[in-house]
Amino acid sequence: MKPAIADLPRLPSTRTEAEAIAALAKPQVPWLALDFAANRQAALAADWSNYAIVHFATHALLNPTHPELSGIVLSLFDAQARPRMDSCA
Protein backbone atom coordinates (compact mmCIF):
# COMPACT_ATOMS: atom_id res chain seq x y z
CA MET A 1 0.00 0.00 0.00
CA LYS A 2 1.32 3.45 -0.95
CA PRO A 3 1.67 6.06 1.81
CA ALA A 4 -0.75 8.96 1.88
CA ILE A 5 0.64 12.37 1.03
CA ALA A 6 0.22 13.39 4.68
CA ASP A 7 2.57 10.53 5.64
CA LEU A 8 5.50 11.91 3.64
CA PRO A 9 8.35 12.84 5.98
CA ARG A 10 9.78 16.33 6.00
CA LEU A 11 12.84 16.47 3.77
CA PRO A 12 15.99 17.13 5.83
CA SER A 13 18.24 20.07 5.02
CA THR A 14 16.10 21.58 2.26
CA ARG A 15 16.35 25.05 3.83
CA THR A 16 20.15 24.79 3.92
CA GLU A 17 20.15 23.48 0.34
CA ALA A 18 17.94 26.33 -0.92
CA GLU A 19 19.97 29.00 0.88
CA ALA A 20 23.24 27.59 -0.49
CA ILE A 21 21.86 27.61 -4.04
CA ALA A 22 20.47 31.13 -3.59
CA ALA A 23 23.87 32.35 -2.40
CA LEU A 24 25.31 31.33 -5.77
CA ALA A 25 22.87 33.68 -7.53
CA LYS A 26 24.47 36.85 -6.17
CA PRO A 27 24.57 39.68 -7.16
CA GLN A 28 21.01 38.95 -8.32
CA VAL A 29 18.46 38.65 -5.55
CA PRO A 30 16.86 35.21 -5.62
CA TRP A 31 13.25 34.53 -4.66
CA LEU A 32 12.92 31.94 -1.90
CA ALA A 33 9.75 30.28 -0.69
CA LEU A 34 10.61 28.27 2.41
CA ASP A 35 8.61 26.26 4.94
CA PHE A 36 4.91 27.23 4.96
CA ALA A 37 5.52 29.77 2.17
CA ALA A 38 6.49 26.96 -0.22
CA ASN A 39 2.94 26.42 -1.36
CA ARG A 40 1.01 26.14 -4.62
CA GLN A 41 -0.37 29.68 -4.39
CA ALA A 42 3.15 31.15 -4.09
CA ALA A 43 4.44 29.06 -6.99
CA LEU A 44 1.57 30.12 -9.24
CA ALA A 45 1.83 33.80 -8.25
CA ALA A 46 5.61 34.10 -8.77
CA ASP A 47 6.90 36.13 -11.72
CA TRP A 48 9.06 33.37 -13.22
CA SER A 49 10.16 35.62 -16.12
CA ASN A 50 12.84 37.08 -13.84
CA TYR A 51 14.61 33.73 -13.42
CA ALA A 52 16.63 31.45 -15.69
CA ILE A 53 16.89 28.66 -13.12
CA VAL A 54 14.21 27.31 -10.78
CA HIS A 55 14.96 24.81 -8.01
CA PHE A 56 12.30 22.90 -6.07
CA ALA A 57 13.43 20.80 -3.11
CA THR A 58 10.34 18.70 -2.59
CA HIS A 59 8.81 15.27 -2.85
CA ALA A 60 7.54 14.15 -6.25
CA LEU A 61 4.76 11.69 -6.91
CA LEU A 62 5.13 9.82 -10.20
CA ASN A 63 2.44 7.86 -11.96
CA PRO A 64 3.97 6.03 -14.95
CA THR A 65 0.57 4.72 -16.07
CA HIS A 66 -1.07 8.16 -16.01
CA PRO A 67 1.74 10.77 -16.11
CA GLU A 68 -0.82 13.58 -15.97
CA LEU A 69 -1.48 12.51 -12.38
CA SER A 70 2.18 13.02 -11.41
CA GLY A 71 3.24 16.11 -9.52
CA ILE A 72 5.27 17.70 -6.79
CA VAL A 73 4.22 18.03 -3.15
CA LEU A 74 4.49 21.51 -1.71
CA SER A 75 3.87 22.61 1.89
CA LEU A 76 1.23 20.34 3.43
CA PHE A 77 0.30 22.79 6.21
CA ASP A 78 -0.23 26.52 6.58
CA ALA A 79 1.41 28.64 9.28
CA GLN A 80 -1.40 27.74 11.74
CA ALA A 81 -0.70 23.99 11.20
CA ARG A 82 -3.96 23.52 9.29
CA PRO A 83 -3.75 21.07 6.38
CA ARG A 84 -3.54 22.76 2.99
CA MET A 85 -5.94 21.45 0.40
CA ASP A 86 -3.77 22.64 -2.52
CA SER A 87 -0.52 20.83 -1.60
CA CYS A 88 0.02 19.13 -4.93
CA ALA A 89 0.88 20.97 -8.11
PDB file of N, CA and C in Angstrom:
ATOM      1  N   MET A   1       0.849  -1.190   0.000  1.00  0.00           N
ATOM      2  CA  MET A   1       0.000   0.000   0.000  1.00  0.00           C
ATOM      3  C   MET A   1       0.888   1.245   0.000  1.00  0.00           C
ATOM      4  N   LYS A   2       0.550   2.214  -0.852  1.00  0.00           N
ATOM      5  CA  LYS A   2       1.323   3.447  -0.952  1.00  0.00           C
ATOM      6  C   LYS A   2       0.969   4.373   0.206  1.00  0.00           C
ATOM      7  N   PRO A   3       1.970   5.126   0.714  1.00  0.00           N
ATOM      8  CA  PRO A   3       1.669   6.059   1.807  1.00  0.00           C
ATOM      9  C   PRO A   3       0.834   7.233   1.316  1.00  0.00           C
ATOM     10  N   ALA A   4       0.026   7.757   2.195  1.00  0.00           N
ATOM     11  CA  ALA A   4      -0.753   8.958   1.882  1.00  0.00           C
ATOM     12  C   ALA A   4       0.192  10.151   1.836  1.00  0.00           C
ATOM     13  N   ILE A   5      -0.199  11.178   1.119  1.00  0.00           N
ATOM     14  CA  ILE A   5       0.644  12.371   1.034  1.00  0.00           C
ATOM     15  C   ILE A   5       0.966  12.898   2.421  1.00  0.00           C
ATOM     16  N   ALA A   6       0.001  12.877   3.324  1.00  0.00           N
ATOM     17  CA  ALA A   6       0.221  13.391   4.682  1.00  0.00           C
ATOM     18  C   ALA A   6       1.271  12.586   5.431  1.00  0.00           C
ATOM     19  N   ASP A   7       1.578  11.365   4.984  1.00  0.00           N
ATOM     20  CA  ASP A   7       2.570  10.532   5.639  1.00  0.00           C
ATOM     21  C   ASP A   7       3.994  10.786   5.137  1.00  0.00           C
ATOM     22  N   LEU A   8       4.159  11.643   4.145  1.00  0.00           N
ATOM     23  CA  LEU A   8       5.496  11.915   3.636  1.00  0.00           C
ATOM     24  C   LEU A   8       6.311  12.631   4.705  1.00  0.00           C
ATOM     25  N   PRO A   9       7.528  12.167   4.968  1.00  0.00           N
ATOM     26  CA  PRO A   9       8.350  12.837   5.980  1.00  0.00           C
ATOM     27  C   PRO A   9       8.884  14.170   5.460  1.00  0.00           C
ATOM     28  N   ARG A  10       9.159  15.063   6.363  1.00  0.00           N
ATOM     29  CA  ARG A  10       9.783  16.327   5.996  1.00  0.00           C
ATOM     30  C   ARG A  10      11.165  16.024   5.433  1.00  0.00           C
ATOM     31  N   LEU A  11      11.535  16.696   4.367  1.00  0.00           N
ATOM     32  CA  LEU A  11      12.845  16.469   3.771  1.00  0.00           C
ATOM     33  C   LEU A  11      13.916  17.202   4.581  1.00  0.00           C
ATOM     34  N   PRO A  12      14.944  16.480   5.015  1.00  0.00           N
ATOM     35  CA  PRO A  12      15.986  17.126   5.831  1.00  0.00           C
ATOM     36  C   PRO A  12      16.863  18.056   4.998  1.00  0.00           C
ATOM     37  N   SER A  13      17.258  19.134   5.586  1.00  0.00           N
ATOM     38  CA  SER A  13      18.244  20.070   5.015  1.00  0.00           C
ATOM     39  C   SER A  13      17.794  20.829   3.776  1.00  0.00           C
ATOM     40  N   THR A  14      16.522  20.860   3.469  1.00  0.00           N
ATOM     41  CA  THR A  14      16.098  21.576   2.262  1.00  0.00           C
ATOM     42  C   THR A  14      16.287  23.089   2.410  1.00  0.00           C
ATOM     43  N   ARG A  15      16.121  23.606   3.615  1.00  0.00           N
ATOM     44  CA  ARG A  15      16.351  25.047   3.827  1.00  0.00           C
ATOM     45  C   ARG A  15      17.815  25.375   3.561  1.00  0.00           C
ATOM     46  N   THR A  16      18.720  24.577   4.117  1.00  0.00           N
ATOM     47  CA  THR A  16      20.154  24.792   3.918  1.00  0.00           C
ATOM     48  C   THR A  16      20.497  24.681   2.432  1.00  0.00           C
ATOM     49  N   GLU A  17      19.925  23.685   1.778  1.00  0.00           N
ATOM     50  CA  GLU A  17      20.145  23.484   0.338  1.00  0.00           C
ATOM     51  C   GLU A  17      19.683  24.707  -0.453  1.00  0.00           C
ATOM     52  N   ALA A  18      18.481  25.184  -0.194  1.00  0.00           N
ATOM     53  CA  ALA A  18      17.935  26.331  -0.923  1.00  0.00           C
ATOM     54  C   ALA A  18      18.765  27.596  -0.673  1.00  0.00           C
ATOM     55  N   GLU A  19      19.163  27.808   0.560  1.00  0.00           N
ATOM     56  CA  GLU A  19      19.965  28.996   0.879  1.00  0.00           C
ATOM     57  C   GLU A  19      21.337  28.931   0.221  1.00  0.00           C
ATOM     58  N   ALA A  20      21.936  27.746   0.155  1.00  0.00           N
ATOM     59  CA  ALA A  20      23.245  27.591  -0.492  1.00  0.00           C
ATOM     60  C   ALA A  20      23.134  27.860  -1.996  1.00  0.00           C
ATOM     61  N   ILE A  21      22.067  27.366  -2.608  1.00  0.00           N
ATOM     62  CA  ILE A  21      21.862  27.612  -4.045  1.00  0.00           C
ATOM     63  C   ILE A  21      21.594  29.090  -4.288  1.00  0.00           C
ATOM     64  N   ALA A  22      20.780  29.703  -3.450  1.00  0.00           N
ATOM     65  CA  ALA A  22      20.465  31.129  -3.594  1.00  0.00           C
ATOM     66  C   ALA A  22      21.717  31.993  -3.461  1.00  0.00           C
ATOM     67  N   ALA A  23      22.631  31.596  -2.589  1.00  0.00           N
ATOM     68  CA  ALA A  23      23.871  32.354  -2.395  1.00  0.00           C
ATOM     69  C   ALA A  23      24.701  32.383  -3.680  1.00  0.00           C
ATOM     70  N   LEU A  24      24.575  31.373  -4.509  1.00  0.00           N
ATOM     71  CA  LEU A  24      25.307  31.326  -5.775  1.00  0.00           C
ATOM     72  C   LEU A  24      24.749  32.315  -6.799  1.00  0.00           C
ATOM     73  N   ALA A  25      23.526  32.786  -6.582  1.00  0.00           N
ATOM     74  CA  ALA A  25      22.871  33.679  -7.531  1.00  0.00           C
ATOM     75  C   ALA A  25      23.334  35.123  -7.410  1.00  0.00           C
ATOM     76  N   LYS A  26      24.045  35.456  -6.365  1.00  0.00           N
ATOM     77  CA  LYS A  26      24.466  36.849  -6.165  1.00  0.00           C
ATOM     78  C   LYS A  26      25.306  37.288  -7.347  1.00  0.00           C
ATOM     79  N   PRO A  27      25.185  38.532  -7.810  1.00  0.00           N
ATOM     80  CA  PRO A  27      24.568  39.675  -7.161  1.00  0.00           C
ATOM     81  C   PRO A  27      23.059  39.773  -7.358  1.00  0.00           C
ATOM     82  N   GLN A  28      22.465  38.916  -8.178  1.00  0.00           N
ATOM     83  CA  GLN A  28      21.012  38.951  -8.320  1.00  0.00           C
ATOM     84  C   GLN A  28      20.361  38.496  -7.026  1.00  0.00           C
ATOM     85  N   VAL A  29      19.193  39.020  -6.754  1.00  0.00           N
ATOM     86  CA  VAL A  29      18.464  38.647  -5.549  1.00  0.00           C
ATOM     87  C   VAL A  29      17.514  37.503  -5.893  1.00  0.00           C
ATOM     88  N   PRO A  30      17.744  36.327  -5.318  1.00  0.00           N
ATOM     89  CA  PRO A  30      16.856  35.207  -5.618  1.00  0.00           C
ATOM     90  C   PRO A  30      15.536  35.318  -4.860  1.00  0.00           C
ATOM     91  N   TRP A  31      14.543  34.636  -5.346  1.00  0.00           N
ATOM     92  CA  TRP A  31      13.254  34.535  -4.656  1.00  0.00           C
ATOM     93  C   TRP A  31      13.221  33.188  -3.972  1.00  0.00           C
ATOM     94  N   LEU A  32      12.991  33.177  -2.674  1.00  0.00           N
ATOM     95  CA  LEU A  32      12.924  31.938  -1.903  1.00  0.00           C
ATOM     96  C   LEU A  32      11.542  31.797  -1.275  1.00  0.00           C
ATOM     97  N   ALA A  33      10.980  30.622  -1.401  1.00  0.00           N
ATOM     98  CA  ALA A  33       9.748  30.283  -0.693  1.00  0.00           C
ATOM     99  C   ALA A  33      10.105  29.085   0.179  1.00  0.00           C
ATOM    100  N   LEU A  34      10.176  29.305   1.471  1.00  0.00           N
ATOM    101  CA  LEU A  34      10.609  28.271   2.408  1.00  0.00           C
ATOM    102  C   LEU A  34       9.492  27.928   3.385  1.00  0.00           C
ATOM    103  N   ASP A  35       9.547  26.706   3.907  1.00  0.00           N
ATOM    104  CA  ASP A  35       8.614  26.256   4.942  1.00  0.00           C
ATOM    105  C   ASP A  35       7.162  26.427   4.476  1.00  0.00           C
ATOM    106  N   PHE A  36       6.330  27.083   5.290  1.00  0.00           N
ATOM    107  CA  PHE A  36       4.915  27.231   4.963  1.00  0.00           C
ATOM    108  C   PHE A  36       4.689  28.057   3.696  1.00  0.00           C
ATOM    109  N   ALA A  37       5.651  28.920   3.360  1.00  0.00           N
ATOM    110  CA  ALA A  37       5.518  29.767   2.173  1.00  0.00           C
ATOM    111  C   ALA A  37       5.740  28.993   0.878  1.00  0.00           C
ATOM    112  N   ALA A  38       6.254  27.792   0.965  1.00  0.00           N
ATOM    113  CA  ALA A  38       6.492  26.960  -0.223  1.00  0.00           C
ATOM    114  C   ALA A  38       5.196  26.235  -0.578  1.00  0.00           C
ATOM    115  N   ASN A  39       4.250  26.988  -1.070  1.00  0.00           N
ATOM    116  CA  ASN A  39       2.936  26.416  -1.360  1.00  0.00           C
ATOM    117  C   ASN A  39       2.532  26.688  -2.808  1.00  0.00           C
ATOM    118  N   ARG A  40       1.477  26.039  -3.232  1.00  0.00           N
ATOM    119  CA  ARG A  40       1.014  26.140  -4.616  1.00  0.00           C
ATOM    120  C   ARG A  40       0.679  27.572  -4.993  1.00  0.00           C
ATOM    121  N   GLN A  41       0.016  28.294  -4.106  1.00  0.00           N
ATOM    122  CA  GLN A  41      -0.367  29.679  -4.391  1.00  0.00           C
ATOM    123  C   GLN A  41       0.871  30.532  -4.679  1.00  0.00           C
ATOM    124  N   ALA A  42       1.927  30.373  -3.881  1.00  0.00           N
ATOM    125  CA  ALA A  42       3.150  31.149  -4.093  1.00  0.00           C
ATOM    126  C   ALA A  42       3.808  30.780  -5.423  1.00  0.00           C
ATOM    127  N   ALA A  43       3.829  29.499  -5.737  1.00  0.00           N
ATOM    128  CA  ALA A  43       4.441  29.055  -6.988  1.00  0.00           C
ATOM    129  C   ALA A  43       3.683  29.594  -8.205  1.00  0.00           C
ATOM    130  N   LEU A  44       2.372  29.618  -8.123  1.00  0.00           N
ATOM    131  CA  LEU A  44       1.573  30.120  -9.238  1.00  0.00           C
ATOM    132  C   LEU A  44       1.631  31.643  -9.362  1.00  0.00           C
ATOM    133  N   ALA A  45       1.822  32.343  -8.246  1.00  0.00           N
ATOM    134  CA  ALA A  45       1.833  33.805  -8.255  1.00  0.00           C
ATOM    135  C   ALA A  45       3.201  34.394  -8.598  1.00  0.00           C
ATOM    136  N   ALA A  46       4.249  33.592  -8.538  1.00  0.00           N
ATOM    137  CA  ALA A  46       5.605  34.104  -8.771  1.00  0.00           C
ATOM    138  C   ALA A  46       5.769  34.588 -10.207  1.00  0.00           C
ATOM    139  N   ASP A  47       6.579  35.625 -10.384  1.00  0.00           N
ATOM    140  CA  ASP A  47       6.905  36.132 -11.717  1.00  0.00           C
ATOM    141  C   ASP A  47       8.150  35.388 -12.191  1.00  0.00           C
ATOM    142  N   TRP A  48       7.947  34.244 -12.819  1.00  0.00           N
ATOM    143  CA  TRP A  48       9.059  33.375 -13.223  1.00  0.00           C
ATOM    144  C   TRP A  48       9.885  33.973 -14.363  1.00  0.00           C
ATOM    145  N   SER A  49       9.405  35.028 -15.012  1.00  0.00           N
ATOM    146  CA  SER A  49      10.155  35.623 -16.125  1.00  0.00           C
ATOM    147  C   SER A  49      11.468  36.250 -15.668  1.00  0.00           C
ATOM    148  N   ASN A  50      11.611  36.483 -14.377  1.00  0.00           N
ATOM    149  CA  ASN A  50      12.840  37.078 -13.843  1.00  0.00           C
ATOM    150  C   ASN A  50      13.945  36.058 -13.587  1.00  0.00           C
ATOM    151  N   TYR A  51      13.669  34.763 -13.807  1.00  0.00           N
ATOM    152  CA  TYR A  51      14.613  33.728 -13.416  1.00  0.00           C
ATOM    153  C   TYR A  51      14.921  32.778 -14.570  1.00  0.00           C
ATOM    154  N   ALA A  52      16.198  32.429 -14.685  1.00  0.00           N
ATOM    155  CA  ALA A  52      16.625  31.454 -15.692  1.00  0.00           C
ATOM    156  C   ALA A  52      16.667  30.050 -15.108  1.00  0.00           C
ATOM    157  N   ILE A  53      16.786  29.951 -13.793  1.00  0.00           N
ATOM    158  CA  ILE A  53      16.892  28.661 -13.115  1.00  0.00           C
ATOM    159  C   ILE A  53      15.875  28.627 -11.977  1.00  0.00           C
ATOM    160  N   VAL A  54      15.167  27.512 -11.866  1.00  0.00           N
ATOM    161  CA  VAL A  54      14.211  27.306 -10.781  1.00  0.00           C
ATOM    162  C   VAL A  54      14.583  26.000 -10.097  1.00  0.00           C
ATOM    163  N   HIS A  55      14.616  26.005  -8.778  1.00  0.00           N
ATOM    164  CA  HIS A  55      14.963  24.809  -8.011  1.00  0.00           C
ATOM    165  C   HIS A  55      13.851  24.534  -7.006  1.00  0.00           C
ATOM    166  N   PHE A  56      13.282  23.343  -7.054  1.00  0.00           N
ATOM    167  CA  PHE A  56      12.297  22.904  -6.074  1.00  0.00           C
ATOM    168  C   PHE A  56      12.919  21.764  -5.286  1.00  0.00           C
ATOM    169  N   ALA A  57      12.983  21.891  -3.983  1.00  0.00           N
ATOM    170  CA  ALA A  57      13.433  20.804  -3.105  1.00  0.00           C
ATOM    171  C   ALA A  57      12.176  20.249  -2.452  1.00  0.00           C
ATOM    172  N   THR A  58      11.638  19.203  -3.030  1.00  0.00           N
ATOM    173  CA  THR A  58      10.342  18.700  -2.591  1.00  0.00           C
ATOM    174  C   THR A  58      10.179  17.235  -2.967  1.00  0.00           C
ATOM    175  N   HIS A  59       9.168  16.618  -2.431  1.00  0.00           N
ATOM    176  CA  HIS A  59       8.806  15.267  -2.846  1.00  0.00           C
ATOM    177  C   HIS A  59       8.128  15.347  -4.213  1.00  0.00           C
ATOM    178  N   ALA A  60       8.258  14.279  -4.984  1.00  0.00           N
ATOM    179  CA  ALA A  60       7.536  14.154  -6.245  1.00  0.00           C
ATOM    180  C   ALA A  60       6.747  12.857  -6.214  1.00  0.00           C
ATOM    181  N   LEU A  61       5.584  12.887  -6.782  1.00  0.00           N
ATOM    182  CA  LEU A  61       4.760  11.692  -6.912  1.00  0.00           C
ATOM    183  C   LEU A  61       4.654  11.381  -8.400  1.00  0.00           C
ATOM    184  N   LEU A  62       5.112  10.203  -8.789  1.00  0.00           N
ATOM    185  CA  LEU A  62       5.134   9.825 -10.196  1.00  0.00           C
ATOM    186  C   LEU A  62       4.131   8.723 -10.471  1.00  0.00           C
ATOM    187  N   ASN A  63       3.394   8.880 -11.531  1.00  0.00           N
ATOM    188  CA  ASN A  63       2.437   7.864 -11.959  1.00  0.00           C
ATOM    189  C   ASN A  63       2.784   7.492 -13.400  1.00  0.00           C
ATOM    190  N   PRO A  64       3.550   6.391 -13.594  1.00  0.00           N
ATOM    191  CA  PRO A  64       3.967   6.030 -14.946  1.00  0.00           C
ATOM    192  C   PRO A  64       2.812   5.609 -15.854  1.00  0.00           C
ATOM    193  N   THR A  65       1.726   5.123 -15.278  1.00  0.00           N
ATOM    194  CA  THR A  65       0.568   4.722 -16.070  1.00  0.00           C
ATOM    195  C   THR A  65      -0.214   5.934 -16.563  1.00  0.00           C
ATOM    196  N   HIS A  66      -0.365   6.924 -15.686  1.00  0.00           N
ATOM    197  CA  HIS A  66      -1.074   8.164 -16.014  1.00  0.00           C
ATOM    198  C   HIS A  66      -0.184   9.341 -15.615  1.00  0.00           C
ATOM    199  N   PRO A  67       0.796   9.694 -16.458  1.00  0.00           N
ATOM    200  CA  PRO A  67       1.740  10.768 -16.106  1.00  0.00           C
ATOM    201  C   PRO A  67       1.072  12.090 -15.748  1.00  0.00           C
ATOM    202  N   GLU A  68      -0.116  12.328 -16.286  1.00  0.00           N
ATOM    203  CA  GLU A  68      -0.817  13.579 -15.975  1.00  0.00           C
ATOM    204  C   GLU A  68      -1.225  13.658 -14.507  1.00  0.00           C
ATOM    205  N   LEU A  69      -1.174  12.536 -13.806  1.00  0.00           N
ATOM    206  CA  LEU A  69      -1.481  12.512 -12.375  1.00  0.00           C
ATOM    207  C   LEU A  69      -0.222  12.648 -11.515  1.00  0.00           C
ATOM    208  N   SER A  70       0.933  12.805 -12.139  1.00  0.00           N
ATOM    209  CA  SER A  70       2.185  13.016 -11.412  1.00  0.00           C
ATOM    210  C   SER A  70       2.253  14.465 -10.950  1.00  0.00           C
ATOM    211  N   GLY A  71       3.092  14.734  -9.976  1.00  0.00           N
ATOM    212  CA  GLY A  71       3.235  16.111  -9.517  1.00  0.00           C
ATOM    213  C   GLY A  71       4.243  16.227  -8.400  1.00  0.00           C
ATOM    214  N   ILE A  72       4.394  17.441  -7.929  1.00  0.00           N
ATOM    215  CA  ILE A  72       5.270  17.701  -6.785  1.00  0.00           C
ATOM    216  C   ILE A  72       4.405  18.023  -5.576  1.00  0.00           C
ATOM    217  N   VAL A  73       4.941  17.761  -4.394  1.00  0.00           N
ATOM    218  CA  VAL A  73       4.216  18.031  -3.153  1.00  0.00           C
ATOM    219  C   VAL A  73       4.828  19.265  -2.508  1.00  0.00           C
ATOM    220  N   LEU A  74       4.023  20.283  -2.340  1.00  0.00           N
ATOM    221  CA  LEU A  74       4.486  21.514  -1.708  1.00  0.00           C
ATOM    222  C   LEU A  74       4.089  21.476  -0.232  1.00  0.00           C
ATOM    223  N   SER A  75       4.167  22.589   0.465  1.00  0.00           N
ATOM    224  CA  SER A  75       3.869  22.611   1.890  1.00  0.00           C
ATOM    225  C   SER A  75       2.500  21.994   2.178  1.00  0.00           C
ATOM    226  N   LEU A  76       2.472  21.042   3.091  1.00  0.00           N
ATOM    227  CA  LEU A  76       1.229  20.341   3.428  1.00  0.00           C
ATOM    228  C   LEU A  76       0.387  21.079   4.458  1.00  0.00           C
ATOM    229  N   PHE A  77       0.989  22.076   5.138  1.00  0.00           N
ATOM    230  CA  PHE A  77       0.298  22.795   6.208  1.00  0.00           C
ATOM    231  C   PHE A  77       0.525  24.283   6.071  1.00  0.00           C
ATOM    232  N   ASP A  78      -0.433  25.077   6.555  1.00  0.00           N
ATOM    233  CA  ASP A  78      -0.234  26.518   6.581  1.00  0.00           C
ATOM    234  C   ASP A  78       0.447  26.896   7.895  1.00  0.00           C
ATOM    235  N   ALA A  79       0.679  28.180   8.098  1.00  0.00           N
ATOM    236  CA  ALA A  79       1.407  28.645   9.281  1.00  0.00           C
ATOM    237  C   ALA A  79       0.673  28.366  10.593  1.00  0.00           C
ATOM    238  N   GLN A  80      -0.630  28.076  10.539  1.00  0.00           N
ATOM    239  CA  GLN A  80      -1.405  27.742  11.743  1.00  0.00           C
ATOM    240  C   GLN A  80      -1.536  26.220  11.907  1.00  0.00           C
ATOM    241  N   ALA A  81      -0.728  25.465  11.143  1.00  0.00           N
ATOM    242  CA  ALA A  81      -0.704  23.995  11.200  1.00  0.00           C
ATOM    243  C   ALA A  81      -1.990  23.337  10.704  1.00  0.00           C
ATOM    244  N   ARG A  82      -2.757  24.098   9.910  1.00  0.00           N
ATOM    245  CA  ARG A  82      -3.957  23.520   9.290  1.00  0.00           C
ATOM    246  C   ARG A  82      -3.540  22.879   7.972  1.00  0.00           C
ATOM    247  N   PRO A  83      -4.087  21.709   7.664  1.00  0.00           N
ATOM    248  CA  PRO A  83      -3.753  21.068   6.381  1.00  0.00           C
ATOM    249  C   PRO A  83      -4.130  21.960   5.210  1.00  0.00           C
ATOM    250  N   ARG A  84      -3.249  22.024   4.215  1.00  0.00           N
ATOM    251  CA  ARG A  84      -3.536  22.762   2.989  1.00  0.00           C
ATOM    252  C   ARG A  84      -4.223  21.826   2.023  1.00  0.00           C
ATOM    253  N   MET A  85      -5.217  22.284   1.347  1.00  0.00           N
ATOM    254  CA  MET A  85      -5.936  21.449   0.402  1.00  0.00           C
ATOM    255  C   MET A  85      -5.314  21.510  -0.985  1.00  0.00           C
ATOM    256  N   ASP A  86      -4.384  22.455  -1.202  1.00  0.00           N
ATOM    257  CA  ASP A  86      -3.768  22.635  -2.523  1.00  0.00           C
ATOM    258  C   ASP A  86      -2.284  22.258  -2.504  1.00  0.00           C
ATOM    259  N   SER A  87      -1.925  21.179  -1.795  1.00  0.00           N
ATOM    260  CA  SER A  87      -0.523  20.831  -1.596  1.00  0.00           C
ATOM    261  C   SER A  87       0.154  20.243  -2.804  1.00  0.00           C
ATOM    262  N   CYS A  88      -0.581  19.748  -3.752  1.00  0.00           N
ATOM    263  CA  CYS A  88       0.020  19.127  -4.930  1.00  0.00           C
ATOM    264  C   CYS A  88      -0.129  20.059  -6.121  1.00  0.00           C
ATOM    265  N   ALA A  89       0.913  20.127  -6.904  1.00  0.00           N
ATOM    266  CA  ALA A  89       0.881  20.971  -8.109  1.00  0.00           C
ATOM    267  C   ALA A  89       1.201  20.136  -9.315  1.00  0.00           C
TER     268      ALA A  89
END
